[in-house]
Every structure is written in C-alpha cells, then in structure tokens.
Amino acid sequence: MEPVEYQARLDGDGWHSIHVPAEIGDPIAEAHSRRIIVRLNDAHEWNAALMPIKGDGYYIMVSKKNFKAAEAEPGEEVHVQ
C-alpha cells in the first residue's frame, strides 16, 4: 500500500489525537492490521494504532512526547503521513 498524506488538526486537552477520515483509514484497516507507522510534520515518526470511531472514521493517539518531537502543538494543523 502506498503511503498516505493529509492535513489534520491535533486535537485534545490532556489526551491528544488526530482524526483519520474513513476514506483514508478504511483501506488501511482492510489491507493491514491496525498497527501503523505515523510521521508528523516530516519531523517525527512512531508506531501507533489506528483506532475506530463508530460511524466517523478513525483516530490516532498522539502523546505529548510525540507531538513535541514533531514540533506541533494542540489545536494546530499538522502534516500526517
């Protein structure tokens, strides 16, 4: 499967996450396990889980360590790969 790129908002207050629309997440979930490699802002990469949201796509949890390493802050738009 080819890498996917899109812009998303880093949401949360305490727990931080990135929304993955169904049109992006469904093919990933169907082709692989839900374990993925995420890269934010072309700056930081880590292993994550693609978590389903009933009827609304998926989300990826983003720890403070990971968003700081990607030079991102909650509420900002981030580049997701």
Protein backbone atom coordinates (compact mmCIF):
# COMPACT_ATOMS: atom_id res chain seq x y z
CA MET A 1 0.00 0.00 0.00
CA GLU A 2 1.25 3.45 -0.90
CA PRO A 3 1.89 5.99 1.89
CA VAL A 4 -0.98 8.37 2.56
CA GLU A 5 -0.57 12.09 3.26
CA TYR A 6 -3.10 14.63 4.52
CA GLN A 7 -3.54 17.62 6.82
CA ALA A 8 -5.29 17.18 10.18
CA ARG A 9 -5.80 19.08 13.39
CA LEU A 10 -4.01 17.89 16.52
CA ASP A 11 -6.97 17.73 18.91
CA GLY A 12 -7.27 17.28 22.63
CA ASP A 13 -6.72 18.63 26.07
CA GLY A 14 -4.94 16.01 28.13
CA TRP A 15 -5.43 13.17 25.61
CA HIS A 16 -4.31 14.21 22.13
CA SER A 17 -5.33 12.64 18.85
CA ILE A 18 -5.54 13.08 15.10
CA HIS A 19 -8.72 12.23 13.19
CA VAL A 20 -8.34 9.89 10.22
CA PRO A 21 -11.27 10.14 7.78
CA ALA A 22 -12.91 6.84 6.78
CA GLU A 23 -11.85 7.26 3.14
CA ILE A 24 -8.21 7.19 4.30
CA GLY A 25 -8.50 4.76 7.23
CA ASP A 26 -10.77 2.09 5.71
CA PRO A 27 -8.31 0.91 3.04
CA ILE A 28 -5.50 0.83 5.62
CA ALA A 29 -7.59 -1.16 8.11
CA GLU A 30 -8.71 -3.59 5.39
CA ALA A 31 -5.20 -4.11 3.97
CA HIS A 32 -3.20 -4.38 7.21
CA SER A 33 -3.57 -4.79 10.88
CA ARG A 34 -4.40 -1.50 12.53
CA ARG A 35 -0.79 -1.05 13.61
CA ILE A 36 0.74 1.73 11.51
CA ILE A 37 3.76 3.99 11.29
CA VAL A 38 2.87 7.68 11.64
CA ARG A 39 5.01 10.66 10.67
CA LEU A 40 4.04 14.19 11.71
CA ASN A 41 5.29 17.35 10.03
CA ASP A 42 8.05 15.35 8.30
CA ALA A 43 9.84 15.61 11.64
CA HIS A 44 8.97 12.62 13.86
CA GLU A 45 7.88 9.02 13.27
CA TRP A 46 6.47 6.37 15.63
CA ASN A 47 4.39 3.18 15.71
CA ALA A 48 0.72 3.74 16.51
CA ALA A 49 -2.68 2.10 16.36
CA LEU A 50 -5.48 3.12 14.01
CA MET A 51 -8.47 3.22 16.38
CA PRO A 52 -12.03 3.09 15.00
CA ILE A 53 -14.67 5.71 15.78
CA LYS A 54 -18.15 4.29 15.26
CA GLY A 55 -19.50 5.85 12.07
CA ASP A 56 -16.81 8.56 11.88
CA GLY A 57 -13.55 7.07 10.63
CA TYR A 58 -10.59 6.53 12.92
CA TYR A 59 -8.21 8.32 15.25
CA ILE A 60 -4.54 8.06 16.22
CA MET A 61 -3.45 8.86 19.77
CA VAL A 62 -0.54 11.32 19.94
CA SER A 63 1.47 11.55 23.14
CA LYS A 64 2.97 14.82 24.33
CA LYS A 65 6.42 13.34 23.64
CA ASN A 66 5.43 12.64 20.02
CA PHE A 67 3.81 15.99 19.24
CA LYS A 68 6.68 17.89 20.87
CA ALA A 69 9.20 15.88 18.80
CA ALA A 70 7.20 16.82 15.68
CA GLU A 71 7.28 20.49 16.72
CA ALA A 72 3.48 20.63 16.93
CA GLU A 73 1.04 21.99 19.49
CA PRO A 74 -2.57 21.05 20.24
CA GLY A 75 -5.01 22.93 18.02
CA GLU A 76 -2.54 23.23 15.14
CA GLU A 77 -2.87 21.73 11.69
CA VAL A 78 -0.25 19.03 11.13
CA HIS A 79 1.02 17.17 8.09
CA VAL A 80 0.31 13.45 8.55
CA GLN A 81 1.95 10.59 6.66
